Structure formats: C-alpha cells, structure tokens
Amino acid sequence: MRIAIAGISHEALNTSPLPTTLEHFKVWRGQEILQGESGFSPYAAGAATAAMVAPKYASLTQMMDDLGAEPVPILHANGLAPSGTVEQSVYLDLRNEIVDGIQQAGPLDGICLILHGALLVENIWSGETDLVRAIRAVAGNDILISARFDLHGNLTEEFANKTDIWTVYRTAPHRDAPQTLERAMTLLAHCIRGGHRPRPVFIRVPMILPGEKATTEVEPMKSLLELAVEIGQQPGILTAEILVGFGWADAAYSSSSIVVIAEDDIHLPHARRQARRLAQAMWDQRHNFTFDQEVAQSADEAIELALAAGESCVFIADSGDNPTAGTPGDVPHFLSRLLAKNVPDAVVAGIPDNAAARICFEAGVGATVSLSLGGKLDSQHGAPEEVTGVVERLYQPGPDSSDAAIATVRVGGVLVLVTDRRTFFSTLNDFRKAGVEPLDHKVVVVKLGYLMPELRDAAPREILALTPGYSDMDFTRLPYNYVTRPIFPLDEEFAWSPVITNVAGYGG
C-alpha cells in the first residue's frame, strides 16, 4: 500500500495589505516530511503542555510503519504565520511541484494531503480546491484522497466532490494536530484495504464566526463536537466533522460547514440524514456562540482591569491585530495606551518593525534609541508610535532558524519586543528568547485572539480586548464584499434548513 503525502498549509486574510510570498513558507521535501514537524503539529517543538494529549506517533515514519504502508513523501509547504493572499506564482510553483511528484511517484493506492482550509490564492481563490483539482487531473478518479484540516477552514463544493475523506481539528485552541492527521491517514488506509469508496456529504451552514467564539471546551462547540463524534461512531459512517470556518476571509464560500462521510454507497442515505442532523444542530446554536474569555471592550478597559487584578500577572490579547488571523500585527495602539497611562510594569509582544529592530541591533545592548514603532505594515489602524527607550537584550537566531530576531526595548515601565519580521508569541519560550519571563510581569499584552495552549495553561488570568484592526471580532464592522448573503451574523432574520450541496448528497 503506497500513500503519497503532500500539502500546502496556510491561513490567508485577503483584506490584509501584505501578500504572502515564498519566504513566508517553510518547505519540506521528500524524507524531511517523514521525520520533522511538517504539519504533524501546528506548534513549535516544546510547546506541548500537560493539558495536551501526547500523540501516538513521534513521526510520520512511525505512523506509516504501524499502518503497514509505504510513504511516498512529495512536498509540504507550511505557512510560518497566517498572512495575506498567497501570490499566484508562489502557489503555482508549489502546486506544480506536488503534481509533478505525484506523476513521477509510480503506482499509488492513496494520497494524504496536509492542509489548513483557508488558503486564498491571488486570482484563484481556494487553493485547496485548485490543488485537489490539479491532483485529480493527473491521478485520476479511482485513487482515494484524504486530507487533514484546521477547523478554521472554508471549503467549497468542488473540493467536497473531488476528495474522499477529510478530518478536522476538534480543539481550539489547537491541541490535536497529530491526532487529526492520524485519523486522516488511518481512515485512508482502512478504505484502501477494505476496498471501500467513501461518500462525503457536505453541508454549508450560513454563518461566520471568529474562532474565539467557538472554542471547543465550552458550549455550544463542546456538545456539537460530542454529537459529531457520536455520529462518526455509527455503523457505516467513517467520520463526522465540523468546520467553524475562517470568518475574516472575504470569499463567496466563507462559512461554517459540516461533513459526514459514508463508508460506501450503501450507507449514503444514513450519512445524509446524520449530516442534516448535525448541520441543523449547529444552526440552532448560532446565537449561543460566545467568548469563553473575560472580555474588555477596549484597550483602556483591559488595562484598567489588569492593573486592578489580584493576580500577579494578567495576559491581555490584542485581538483586533492578531497575526495568527493574518493581520500585519504592527498596530501600536496598545503600546500607545500603556504609555499614556504610565503603566509601571508591562510587556508588549510584540511589534514587527524591521527598521526599528535594525536600529536596536546596530546600537547594541545598553544603548538609548529613538524609534518610530509600528504603523508601517498596517497604516489603516494606527500611525507609528514615537518612543525613546533602552535596549535591554538582543536575540539573533542562527542561520538555519526560522525565528525572528528580537530586540527587547524598555520604554518607561513597558518592555517592547521589537521583531525584524511578522511573528507571534505563543509559548513561554518565545518570551524567554527575548530575556523575558512573562509571569514575572503584571501585564502581558500579546497579539493573539485566544491564548495558545501553553500560554492559556500558564496565565493566571486572561482578558480578550476588543481592539481595532483587520481581525476585528465584530464582523458587522468589517467591509465584506464577496461572502454569500444572507449569512449570520451579518444578516439576523432569515430562514434556513440544511441543504446538501455536493455530488454525493444530490437526490437525498
């Protein structure tokens, strides 16, 4: 049993002014895919916490050995951080290398794609759809294709028609990337061995949600996922999956969706009934999706709550300028408010500003520097903040590292982590590279939505600040041009019932 492994994983925010180029991807080829973290985990090594279930396998090599399958690794390109629309030429080069690799691989029994689900490509729109279309053109219709997804993905009917199996993260914040890939591969191997032809039933649910309103440890997502698991365990059903969607992407197919995958044609009517059941359950909960964090309506309110808190450390998420949702990440609004309030002990992680970082590195540790910080990548939501501070630490990664360089600058009571490029601080070690032990500070501002697992587990208190930016949590304030209407919450009052829209569901 020979299974090709490939994929392009990226989350694109097409309202961002920053295009995604090749330098924004980490690319693994051939055997590199089998031994490393090429999609096996969305987090850096060492980011796992006690609350994360250890994966069954340490690598794809172990997984394939256990399945008795021969891996045929082609190429996996993983976005270093969510950002803007992927340049067409960059995507086509990666896609064509995958397609050529599949053509040259010899006889294959299956293909497993490591994807995200929100890959927007210049002039092409859905990268996932275009990729599977190109693969089908050379592999034919008989070979089985499986895929692994982030639950913040927007899928199309064409993708659902051309792919046999897909599995989706069931945790947000994400803790189950390895397990989701394992399910995709295991189901693929099961169908190849058993001679099954899976039949996915896809339903688009007309709602868009920020991921922070659909975390999976609280209601209603908790119960919806339990229902999906229960459906997936029924005879003749391979799996049932929920995609919350990536609501900030302005595309005609942006929405939540569900899939129930029948093992074969015999079980397709049952899969149709269960798909409608799951989609209706999600729609019925549309008004109940809400934040599971403490929420502040502004940066000022978040700062006041943090300073008055009994906890020794409070993490504040600057949610409107969240680079993990694809924003530029350099809006200095929060820094401005901390300085205006003379906050005595705070960390801002971070502000990407190549010119400012260069000044700090040229000046050296201990130097006093005057900087014009931020507001350059995203000039729509804030102008540069003029500051004078002292360089306390410089972190220069090695030549083979994908880390950003970090200059730690003290401006009054605020430590500002200035990076030479867009990045995000998702683990304690990210701070420690900058010489900062975050839990030793009263206020820690991170440019995130929800905190990533390690920070969420460590933070004594977490506040989500509803700040301005391209990842504004209030979708009604965003200028959508392409989403299909009506759609909740842009439209409140309209009737809807589940409609199966992919080929497998026609006629039922």
Foldseek 3Di string as FASTA:
>chain_A
DEEEEEEEAAAAQAVFPDEDELLQKDKDAWPRQFQDPLQLDPDDPPFDDPPFDDFPDNTNVVLCVVLVYHYGYGMYIYGQAHAHAYEQVRLVVRLVSRLVSVLPVPDHQAYEYEYAARHQHVPPGGSLLVSLVSNCVRNPQPHAYEYEYELAHFDDQSNLQRHAYYFYAQFVVGRCSNVRSSLRVNLNSVCSVVVWGKFKFKWFQFAAADVQLQGQVDPDNVVLVVLQQVLCPDPQWPGKYKRNYLRSHQAARTGIMIMIMGRHLVCLVVRLVSRLVSSVVVNVCQVVRGGPAAEDAALVRVVVCLVPDPAQAEEEAQAQQARNSHYQNFACVNVVNCVVVLPQAEEEWAHEDQVQLVVDVVQDAFDKDWDFGGCPSPVPAHGTDTFIWGFHDWADDDPPDPDWTWTFTDTRNYTYTYTNGDDWDQAQVVVVSNVDRRSNTSYYYTHHADHRDRCVVVGPHYYYYQYHHSRRNPCCPDDRDHYDPDHPPVPDDDDDGIDGDHPSPPPD
